[in-house]
Amino acid sequence: MMTTDELMPQDVAIRVNPYVTGKSLGDISLHVDDARIHLRNGYRRVPVRPSREPDPLFPYYEMLADIEDEVQEKEGIRVTIASGDPLEEKSGTS
């Protein structure tokens, strides 16, 4: 079995993606930002982008922590699931 350090970012994305795309928060879907996965302190940092800005944020961050635990347990790789920028930007009010 390969260690976390030996896995390429695209391999990490393939392994993490089913855990992320299978989750949603109401009408907000989640997407792995494959291009921004990188190694940091022995963990693969995996940015996850919500389809829009979650409100409130607490359930969203709780879901990311649950995904992180699930990936580490079931896949045996060290990951940090991090919040990325929303796919849909919030429209400003003036």
Protein backbone atom coordinates (compact mmCIF):
# COMPACT_ATOMS: atom_id res chain seq x y z
CA MET A 1 0.00 0.00 0.00
CA MET A 2 1.25 3.47 -0.88
CA THR A 3 1.82 6.05 1.83
CA THR A 4 0.19 9.45 1.76
CA ASP A 5 3.50 11.01 0.72
CA GLU A 6 3.75 8.70 -2.32
CA LEU A 7 0.24 9.33 -3.61
CA MET A 8 -0.06 11.80 -6.45
CA PRO A 9 -2.68 14.55 -6.08
CA GLN A 10 -4.85 12.99 -8.79
CA ASP A 11 -4.79 9.64 -6.93
CA VAL A 12 -5.90 11.39 -3.75
CA ALA A 13 -8.70 13.13 -5.66
CA ILE A 14 -9.94 9.80 -7.05
CA ARG A 15 -10.04 8.29 -3.55
CA VAL A 16 -11.59 11.31 -1.81
CA ASN A 17 -14.12 12.31 -4.45
CA PRO A 18 -16.77 9.64 -3.65
CA TYR A 19 -16.87 10.76 -0.02
CA VAL A 20 -17.30 14.40 -1.00
CA THR A 21 -19.74 14.14 -3.90
CA GLY A 22 -21.96 11.80 -1.87
CA LYS A 23 -22.62 14.57 0.66
CA SER A 24 -24.77 17.66 0.50
CA LEU A 25 -26.04 20.29 2.87
CA GLY A 26 -29.57 21.14 1.84
CA ASP A 27 -29.26 22.38 -1.74
CA ILE A 28 -25.47 22.88 -1.46
CA SER A 29 -23.36 20.27 -3.21
CA LEU A 30 -19.64 19.73 -2.62
CA HIS A 31 -16.81 19.38 -5.15
CA VAL A 32 -13.14 18.42 -4.76
CA ASP A 33 -10.79 21.08 -6.16
CA ASP A 34 -8.41 18.57 -7.78
CA ALA A 35 -5.95 21.20 -9.02
CA ARG A 36 -5.23 22.52 -5.51
CA ILE A 37 -4.48 19.28 -3.65
CA HIS A 38 -1.01 19.40 -2.13
CA LEU A 39 1.15 17.80 0.55
CA ARG A 40 1.52 19.73 3.82
CA ASN A 41 3.18 18.33 6.97
CA GLY A 42 2.61 14.71 5.93
CA TYR A 43 -1.07 15.25 5.07
CA ARG A 44 -2.68 15.80 1.69
CA ARG A 45 -4.63 19.05 1.89
CA VAL A 46 -7.82 18.60 -0.13
CA PRO A 47 -9.81 21.78 -0.82
CA VAL A 48 -13.56 21.21 -1.11
CA ARG A 49 -15.67 23.83 -2.85
CA PRO A 50 -19.35 24.25 -1.97
CA SER A 51 -21.73 25.09 -4.81
CA ARG A 52 -22.53 28.32 -2.94
CA GLU A 53 -21.59 29.95 0.37
CA PRO A 54 -23.14 27.94 3.25
CA ASP A 55 -25.15 29.86 5.81
CA PRO A 56 -24.76 29.08 8.64
CA LEU A 57 -21.17 27.82 8.39
CA PHE A 58 -21.04 25.50 11.42
CA PRO A 59 -22.91 22.52 9.85
CA TYR A 60 -20.71 22.85 6.75
CA TYR A 61 -17.46 22.71 8.73
CA GLU A 62 -18.83 19.85 10.80
CA MET A 63 -19.56 17.94 7.57
CA LEU A 64 -16.00 18.57 6.31
CA ALA A 65 -14.60 17.17 9.58
CA ASP A 66 -16.81 14.08 9.23
CA ILE A 67 -15.62 13.55 5.65
CA GLU A 68 -12.00 13.88 6.79
CA ASP A 69 -12.49 11.23 9.49
CA GLU A 70 -14.27 8.89 7.07
CA VAL A 71 -11.56 9.16 4.40
CA GLN A 72 -8.77 8.57 6.92
CA GLU A 73 -10.53 5.52 8.41
CA LYS A 74 -11.69 3.86 5.20
CA GLU A 75 -8.90 4.83 2.78
CA GLY A 76 -5.98 4.82 5.22
CA ILE A 77 -4.55 8.08 3.91
CA ARG A 78 -3.80 11.22 5.88
CA VAL A 79 -5.87 14.10 4.58
CA THR A 80 -6.98 17.50 5.71
CA ILE A 81 -10.29 18.41 4.16
CA ALA A 82 -10.29 22.20 3.80
CA SER A 83 -12.94 24.63 2.71
CA GLY A 84 -12.37 26.12 -0.72
CA ASP A 85 -14.01 29.08 -2.43
CA PRO A 86 -17.67 28.60 -3.36
CA LEU A 87 -18.34 27.76 -7.01
CA GLU A 88 -21.03 30.45 -7.09
CA GLU A 89 -19.97 33.82 -5.75
CA LYS A 90 -22.29 35.68 -3.41
CA SER A 91 -23.86 38.65 -5.13
CA GLY A 92 -22.99 41.89 -3.40
CA THR A 93 -25.61 44.26 -2.15
CA SER A 94 -25.33 48.00 -2.57
